[in-house]
């Protein structure tokens, strides 16, 4: 096992495109770190630089105590799992698992022990004579994981390994990866565009946008205290409601005056007095927007779409010209077009500078 350190790692292509702008972070020995962001944010490029499949334009990359900028991929003591499985179709499971070890000239007994151990860990012992074409997508992905596992590398790199699987298989293999990490304690760096995967797998998460790191923290810290509007809107499903307007005090209460002159009551939200009469963006998580009794602290919203998903219900609402989503417990469902009184949880509101997007501290 080993830690991975990036110090101002940068990638610039020959055409001048900057794919990664000075990334700096450390993945601790035995940690599962997730790199997440939308397509084109630089997360896979960053992973490929760690693997040695992309040259580093500037900065320093270390694995353990060794700088590996100019070290060949095969000498970095890493194993990589791709989304495409990359299995040899003419080989059996056993042969696919053993192939990399044979190339590295390991003896037969070592190969047998490692292949058997990986097959046992991943539940592949009854499939050793099958070929990839005879297996499901989830089984093939487990073989791809096993081929990396037998290497016993210091660092595992996983590049969107679940993107080709259906929802049920994604959950199953995601659980398998989390279990493997707990069992092996090996350093893992996992790339995904799926924020649910990131939140459920990562011990810490690196959020990227346009090649720049936006925030690094634990999943719940990112959810509870997003550093900027991008992180706030990217993490969470459904996404955080973001409304922009002028913060005003009127009729004995605190309101966000929206661009259509409608007002959103913010209740007893704690604010910095300097924010009054300024433009702000206010973030509301769907679970912090709830039906309530009509009154001074509530506002009216029209029900446009109702999405029952079993254990919870998503209400798509409209307040003036603004769309909102609320996550509520299963109940008698409202009718489309119904006007509902809604209330906010004041202490759970998020405030942002609408120009820079950065989070505003209340103190």
Protein backbone atom coordinates (compact mmCIF):
# COMPACT_ATOMS: atom_id res chain seq x y z
CA UNK A 1 0.00 0.00 0.00
CA UNK A 2 1.09 3.59 -0.52
CA UNK A 3 -0.09 7.17 -0.41
CA UNK A 4 -0.42 9.28 -3.56
CA UNK A 5 0.60 12.94 -3.55
CA UNK A 6 -0.08 15.50 -6.29
CA UNK A 7 1.65 18.87 -6.08
CA UNK A 8 0.43 21.41 -8.66
CA UNK A 9 -0.01 18.69 -11.29
CA UNK A 10 -0.98 20.24 -14.60
CA UNK A 11 -1.89 18.90 -18.05
CA UNK A 12 -1.66 21.04 -21.18
CA UNK A 13 -2.13 19.44 -24.59
CA UNK A 14 -0.14 20.40 -27.68
CA UNK A 15 -3.02 22.53 -28.98
CA UNK A 16 -2.89 24.66 -25.81
CA UNK A 17 -5.96 23.13 -24.15
CA UNK A 18 -5.51 23.00 -20.37
CA UNK A 19 -7.15 19.81 -19.11
CA UNK A 20 -5.99 20.03 -15.49
CA UNK A 21 -5.04 23.27 -13.71
CA UNK A 22 -2.51 22.69 -10.93
CA UNK A 23 -4.17 19.88 -8.94
CA UNK A 24 -2.81 19.43 -5.40
CA UNK A 25 -4.05 16.82 -2.92
CA UNK A 26 -2.94 13.69 -1.10
CA UNK A 27 -4.63 10.30 -1.03
CA UNK A 28 -3.69 8.69 2.28
CA UNK A 29 -2.36 5.16 2.53
CA UNK A 30 -5.42 2.87 2.48
CA UNK A 31 -7.91 5.62 1.59
CA UNK A 32 -10.66 5.37 -1.03
CA UNK A 33 -10.69 8.76 -2.77
CA UNK A 34 -13.27 9.57 -5.44
CA UNK A 35 -12.73 12.08 -8.26
CA UNK A 36 -16.11 13.36 -9.45
CA UNK A 37 -17.36 15.95 -11.88
CA UNK A 38 -19.21 16.35 -15.18
CA UNK A 39 -17.84 15.15 -18.52
CA UNK A 40 -14.77 17.10 -19.57
CA UNK A 41 -13.83 18.22 -16.05
CA UNK A 42 -10.41 16.51 -16.17
CA UNK A 43 -11.04 13.65 -13.74
CA UNK A 44 -10.09 10.82 -16.14
CA UNK A 45 -7.09 12.81 -17.40
CA UNK A 46 -5.95 13.18 -13.80
CA UNK A 47 -6.34 9.43 -13.22
CA UNK A 48 -4.43 8.64 -16.41
CA UNK A 49 -1.57 10.87 -15.30
CA UNK A 50 -1.43 8.97 -12.01
CA UNK A 51 -1.36 5.73 -14.03
CA UNK A 52 1.36 7.02 -16.34
CA UNK A 53 -0.86 6.87 -19.43
CA UNK A 54 -0.71 10.68 -19.85
CA UNK A 55 2.41 12.81 -19.55
CA UNK A 56 2.46 15.42 -16.79
CA UNK A 57 3.02 18.93 -18.16
CA UNK A 58 4.06 20.42 -14.81
CA UNK A 59 4.03 19.61 -11.11
CA UNK A 60 5.08 16.56 -9.12
CA UNK A 61 3.37 13.19 -8.69
CA UNK A 62 4.56 10.83 -5.97
CA UNK A 63 3.46 7.31 -5.05
CA UNK A 64 4.74 6.48 -1.61
CA UNK A 65 8.06 8.26 -1.20
CA UNK A 66 8.96 8.05 -4.91
CA UNK A 67 8.43 10.76 -7.53
CA UNK A 68 7.00 8.93 -10.55
CA UNK A 69 6.64 11.68 -13.17
CA UNK A 70 9.00 9.84 -15.53
CA UNK A 71 8.39 6.28 -14.32
CA UNK A 72 6.79 3.87 -16.82
CA UNK A 73 3.25 2.67 -15.98
CA UNK A 74 4.39 -0.93 -15.44
CA UNK A 75 6.89 0.24 -12.81
CA UNK A 76 4.48 2.36 -10.74
CA UNK A 77 3.00 -0.58 -8.79
CA UNK A 78 -0.55 0.36 -9.74
CA UNK A 79 -3.45 -1.61 -11.24
CA UNK A 80 -6.19 0.01 -13.28
CA UNK A 81 -9.78 -1.07 -13.92
CA UNK A 82 -11.49 0.45 -16.98
CA UNK A 83 -15.19 0.86 -17.76
CA UNK A 84 -14.82 -1.35 -20.86
CA UNK A 85 -13.65 -4.44 -18.88
CA UNK A 86 -10.83 -5.04 -21.45
CA UNK A 87 -11.02 -8.83 -21.04
CA UNK A 88 -9.59 -11.25 -23.59
CA UNK A 89 -12.67 -12.89 -25.20
CA UNK A 90 -10.86 -16.12 -26.16
CA UNK A 91 -9.60 -16.72 -22.60
CA UNK A 92 -11.44 -18.26 -19.68
CA UNK A 93 -11.94 -16.41 -16.40
CA UNK A 94 -8.97 -18.26 -14.91
CA UNK A 95 -6.78 -17.37 -17.88
CA UNK A 96 -7.84 -13.71 -17.80
CA UNK A 97 -7.06 -13.50 -14.09
CA UNK A 98 -3.64 -15.13 -14.52
CA UNK A 99 -2.54 -13.39 -17.71
CA UNK A 100 -0.90 -10.34 -16.16
CA UNK A 101 0.96 -12.45 -13.62
CA UNK A 102 2.30 -14.71 -16.38
CA UNK A 103 3.59 -11.67 -18.26
CA UNK A 104 5.47 -10.66 -15.13
CA UNK A 105 7.06 -14.11 -14.92
CA UNK A 106 5.54 -15.15 -11.58
CA UNK A 107 5.90 -18.84 -10.77
CA UNK A 108 2.96 -21.19 -11.23
CA UNK A 109 2.30 -21.68 -7.53
CA UNK A 110 2.15 -17.92 -6.85
CA UNK A 111 -0.18 -17.46 -9.82
CA UNK A 112 -2.46 -20.27 -8.64
CA UNK A 113 -2.68 -18.93 -5.08
CA UNK A 114 -3.40 -15.36 -6.15
CA UNK A 115 -5.96 -16.37 -8.79
CA UNK A 116 -7.76 -18.69 -6.34
CA UNK A 117 -7.79 -16.00 -3.64
CA UNK A 118 -9.19 -13.37 -6.01
CA UNK A 119 -11.83 -15.77 -7.34
CA UNK A 120 -12.91 -16.61 -3.80
CA UNK A 121 -13.08 -12.94 -2.79
CA UNK A 122 -15.17 -11.98 -5.83
CA UNK A 123 -17.40 -15.06 -5.99
CA UNK A 124 -15.94 -16.31 -9.27
CA UNK A 125 -14.95 -19.84 -8.24
CA UNK A 126 -17.83 -21.49 -10.15
CA UNK A 127 -17.11 -19.50 -13.33
CA UNK A 128 -13.41 -20.16 -13.85
CA UNK A 129 -13.95 -22.11 -17.09
CA UNK A 130 -16.34 -19.58 -18.63
CA UNK A 131 -15.37 -17.06 -21.27
CA UNK A 132 -16.45 -13.36 -21.11
CA UNK A 133 -19.12 -13.89 -23.79
CA UNK A 134 -20.89 -16.36 -21.52
CA UNK A 135 -21.10 -13.94 -18.59
CA UNK A 136 -23.26 -10.97 -17.55
CA UNK A 137 -21.90 -7.42 -17.42
CA UNK A 138 -21.62 -7.55 -13.64
CA UNK A 139 -19.71 -10.83 -13.76
CA UNK A 140 -17.31 -9.48 -16.39
CA UNK A 141 -16.68 -6.40 -14.26
CA UNK A 142 -15.86 -8.64 -11.30
CA UNK A 143 -13.32 -10.47 -13.49
CA UNK A 144 -11.80 -7.10 -14.41
CA UNK A 145 -11.58 -6.26 -10.70
CA UNK A 146 -10.05 -9.66 -10.03
CA UNK A 147 -7.39 -9.18 -12.69
CA UNK A 148 -6.32 -6.02 -10.88
CA UNK A 149 -6.63 -7.70 -7.49
CA UNK A 150 -4.19 -10.52 -8.28
CA UNK A 151 -1.49 -7.95 -8.98
CA UNK A 152 -1.52 -6.95 -5.28
CA UNK A 153 -0.64 -3.37 -6.25
CA UNK A 154 0.05 -0.45 -3.92
CA UNK A 155 -2.70 1.60 -5.59
CA UNK A 156 -5.91 0.68 -7.41
CA UNK A 157 -7.17 3.10 -10.07
CA UNK A 158 -10.80 2.69 -11.22
CA UNK A 159 -12.02 4.70 -14.21
CA UNK A 160 -15.86 4.76 -14.25
CA UNK A 161 -16.01 0.96 -13.83
CA UNK A 162 -19.80 0.85 -13.39
CA UNK A 163 -20.96 3.09 -16.23
CA UNK A 164 -21.82 0.18 -18.55
CA UNK A 165 -23.99 -1.62 -15.98
CA UNK A 166 -27.71 -1.29 -15.34
CA UNK A 167 -28.95 0.29 -12.10
CA UNK A 168 -29.30 -2.95 -10.14
CA UNK A 169 -25.85 -4.20 -11.16
CA UNK A 170 -24.29 -0.80 -10.43
CA UNK A 171 -25.53 -1.02 -6.86
CA UNK A 172 -24.34 -4.62 -6.51
CA UNK A 173 -20.84 -4.02 -7.90
CA UNK A 174 -20.54 -0.71 -6.00
CA UNK A 175 -21.20 -2.61 -2.79
CA UNK A 176 -18.60 -5.19 -3.87
CA UNK A 177 -15.98 -2.48 -4.39
CA UNK A 178 -16.70 -0.93 -0.99
CA UNK A 179 -16.46 -4.36 0.66
CA UNK A 180 -13.20 -5.09 -1.16
CA UNK A 181 -11.72 -1.83 0.02
CA UNK A 182 -12.63 -2.54 3.63
CA UNK A 183 -11.24 -6.06 3.35
CA UNK A 184 -7.97 -5.17 1.59
CA UNK A 185 -7.27 -1.72 3.02
CA UNK A 186 -5.60 -0.80 -0.28
CA UNK A 187 -5.32 2.77 -1.57
CA UNK A 188 -8.00 3.32 -4.23
CA UNK A 189 -8.68 6.26 -6.52
CA UNK A 190 -12.09 6.03 -8.19
CA UNK A 191 -13.32 8.23 -11.04
CA UNK A 192 -17.03 8.75 -11.73
CA UNK A 193 -19.45 11.35 -13.08
CA UNK A 194 -22.20 9.87 -10.88
CA UNK A 195 -22.55 11.85 -7.65
CA UNK A 196 -24.47 9.00 -5.97
CA UNK A 197 -21.50 6.68 -6.53
CA UNK A 198 -19.18 9.37 -5.22
CA UNK A 199 -21.23 9.98 -2.08
CA UNK A 200 -21.70 6.30 -1.23
CA UNK A 201 -18.17 5.07 -2.00
CA UNK A 202 -15.72 7.84 -1.19
CA UNK A 203 -14.12 8.36 2.19
CA UNK A 204 -13.22 11.74 0.69
CA UNK A 205 -14.26 13.30 -2.60
CA UNK A 206 -12.44 15.63 -4.99
CA UNK A 207 -15.00 17.70 -6.94
CA UNK A 208 -13.71 19.01 -10.27
CA UNK A 209 -15.02 21.43 -12.85
CA UNK A 210 -13.24 22.58 -16.02
CA UNK A 211 -9.97 21.04 -14.84
CA UNK A 212 -9.98 22.84 -11.49
CA UNK A 213 -10.56 21.43 -8.03
CA UNK A 214 -13.65 23.01 -6.46
CA UNK A 215 -13.60 21.30 -3.06
CA UNK A 216 -12.11 18.28 -1.26
CA UNK A 217 -13.86 16.85 1.78
CA UNK A 218 -15.87 13.96 3.19
CA UNK A 219 -19.21 13.21 1.49
CA UNK A 220 -21.41 14.69 4.22
CA UNK A 221 -19.19 17.76 4.69
CA UNK A 222 -19.57 18.48 0.97
CA UNK A 223 -23.32 17.98 1.21
CA UNK A 224 -23.77 20.09 4.34
CA UNK A 225 -21.25 22.87 3.53
CA UNK A 226 -20.65 23.14 -0.23
CA UNK A 227 -17.88 25.63 -0.96
CA UNK A 228 -19.63 27.19 -3.95
CA UNK A 229 -22.71 27.10 -6.14
CA UNK A 230 -21.26 24.44 -8.45
CA UNK A 231 -20.65 21.94 -5.64
CA UNK A 232 -24.04 22.80 -4.12
CA UNK A 233 -25.86 22.04 -7.34
CA UNK A 234 -23.79 19.04 -8.38
CA UNK A 235 -23.95 16.94 -5.21
CA UNK A 236 -27.39 15.82 -4.09
CA UNK A 237 -30.28 14.10 -5.84
CA UNK A 238 -32.57 15.87 -6.49
CA UNK A 239 -30.26 18.86 -6.78
CA UNK A 240 -30.31 21.76 -4.34
CA UNK A 241 -32.87 24.47 -5.14
CA UNK A 242 -31.06 27.73 -5.91
CA UNK A 243 -32.95 31.04 -5.87
CA UNK A 244 -31.42 34.46 -6.43
CA UNK A 245 -32.80 37.74 -5.14
CA UNK A 246 -32.38 40.66 -2.76
CA UNK A 247 -32.36 39.99 0.97
CA UNK A 248 -34.83 42.31 2.69
CA UNK A 249 -36.53 42.79 6.04
CA UNK A 250 -40.23 43.58 5.76
CA UNK A 251 -43.38 43.11 7.83
CA UNK A 252 -41.30 41.99 10.76
CA UNK A 253 -39.66 39.14 8.85
CA UNK A 254 -36.72 38.22 6.63
CA UNK A 255 -37.42 37.65 2.93
CA UNK A 256 -35.66 36.97 -0.34
CA UNK A 257 -37.24 39.32 -2.86
CA UNK A 258 -37.14 37.50 -6.20
CA UNK A 259 -36.82 39.00 -9.65
CA UNK A 260 -40.55 38.60 -10.34
CA UNK A 261 -41.28 40.59 -7.13
CA UNK A 262 -42.52 37.50 -5.30
CA UNK A 263 -41.08 36.99 -1.82
CA UNK A 264 -39.66 33.91 -0.17
CA UNK A 265 -39.89 34.00 3.65
CA UNK A 266 -36.65 32.83 5.28
CA UNK A 267 -38.00 32.58 8.82
CA UNK A 268 -35.47 33.02 11.60
CA UNK A 269 -32.44 32.31 9.38
CA UNK A 270 -29.21 33.58 10.92
CA UNK A 271 -27.51 36.06 8.60
CA UNK A 272 -24.71 38.57 8.54
CA UNK A 273 -26.42 42.01 8.84
CA UNK A 274 -24.20 43.24 6.00
CA UNK A 275 -26.16 41.00 3.62
CA UNK A 276 -29.35 43.05 3.95
CA UNK A 277 -30.38 44.84 0.76
CA UNK A 278 -27.80 42.91 -1.30
CA UNK A 279 -28.20 40.31 -4.03
CA UNK A 280 -27.69 36.76 -2.78
CA UNK A 281 -28.20 33.21 -3.97
CA UNK A 282 -30.00 31.03 -1.44
CA UNK A 283 -29.75 27.24 -1.56
CA UNK A 284 -32.47 24.94 -0.20
CA UNK A 285 -32.04 21.18 -0.10
CA UNK A 286 -35.26 19.39 -1.22
CA UNK A 287 -35.65 17.76 2.21
CA UNK A 288 -35.54 21.20 3.87
CA UNK A 289 -38.63 22.34 1.96
CA UNK A 290 -41.76 20.88 3.55
CA UNK A 291 -45.56 21.30 3.48
CA UNK A 292 -46.80 23.40 6.39
CA UNK A 293 -49.71 25.40 7.67
CA UNK A 294 -50.45 28.69 5.92
CA UNK A 295 -49.11 31.61 7.90
CA UNK A 296 -46.47 34.35 8.10
CA UNK A 297 -43.57 31.88 7.74
CA UNK A 298 -45.01 29.99 4.74
CA UNK A 299 -45.36 30.66 1.04
CA UNK A 300 -47.63 29.29 -1.66
CA UNK A 301 -46.42 26.95 -4.39
CA UNK A 302 -48.31 25.22 -7.20
CA UNK A 303 -47.87 21.46 -7.65
CA UNK A 304 -46.73 20.74 -11.22
CA UNK A 305 -45.39 17.16 -11.08
CA UNK A 306 -45.63 14.48 -8.40
CA UNK A 307 -42.98 11.74 -8.41
CA UNK A 308 -43.67 8.93 -5.91
CA UNK A 309 -40.64 6.61 -5.65
CA UNK A 310 -41.85 4.36 -2.83
CA UNK A 311 -40.15 5.45 0.37
CA UNK A 312 -40.33 9.14 -0.53
CA UNK A 313 -42.09 11.55 -2.86
CA UNK A 314 -40.62 14.35 -4.96
CA UNK A 315 -42.88 17.34 -5.47
CA UNK A 316 -42.04 19.60 -8.40
CA UNK A 317 -43.44 23.00 -7.47
CA UNK A 318 -43.67 26.50 -8.89
CA UNK A 319 -43.48 29.66 -6.78
CA UNK A 320 -44.06 32.63 -9.05
CA UNK A 321 -41.76 31.96 -12.01
CA UNK A 322 -39.39 29.79 -9.96
CA UNK A 323 -39.23 26.00 -9.95
CA UNK A 324 -38.63 24.12 -6.70
CA UNK A 325 -38.31 20.45 -5.74
CA UNK A 326 -39.33 19.14 -2.31
CA UNK A 327 -38.55 15.70 -0.90
CA UNK A 328 -41.39 14.59 1.40
CA UNK A 329 -42.44 11.42 3.20
CA UNK A 330 -45.04 9.14 1.56
CA UNK A 331 -48.47 10.56 2.18
CA UNK A 332 -51.75 11.24 0.47
CA UNK A 333 -50.45 12.71 -2.77
CA UNK A 334 -51.47 16.26 -3.72
CA UNK A 335 -53.33 16.91 -6.95
CA UNK A 336 -51.64 18.49 -9.94
CA UNK A 337 -52.36 22.22 -9.90
CA UNK A 338 -53.03 22.22 -6.17
CA UNK A 339 -51.75 25.25 -4.26
CA UNK A 340 -49.77 24.17 -1.20
CA UNK A 341 -48.38 26.11 1.74
CA UNK A 342 -44.66 25.36 2.05
CA UNK A 343 -42.10 26.23 4.73
CA UNK A 344 -38.31 26.22 4.87
CA UNK A 345 -35.94 24.98 7.57
CA UNK A 346 -34.17 28.32 8.29
CA UNK A 347 -31.07 26.86 9.96
CA UNK A 348 -30.45 24.60 6.94
CA UNK A 349 -30.35 27.37 4.32
CA UNK A 350 -27.18 27.97 2.30
CA UNK A 351 -26.06 31.45 1.18
CA UNK A 352 -23.79 32.21 -1.77
CA UNK A 353 -22.33 35.20 -3.58
CA UNK A 354 -24.27 35.19 -6.90
CA UNK A 355 -21.30 36.57 -8.86
CA UNK A 356 -18.34 34.54 -7.60
CA UNK A 357 -20.48 31.59 -6.52
CA UNK A 358 -18.54 31.19 -3.26
CA UNK A 359 -20.25 30.19 -0.02
CA UNK A 360 -20.95 33.02 2.43
CA UNK A 361 -20.25 32.50 6.11
CA UNK A 362 -22.96 33.67 8.50
CA UNK A 363 -20.43 34.83 11.10
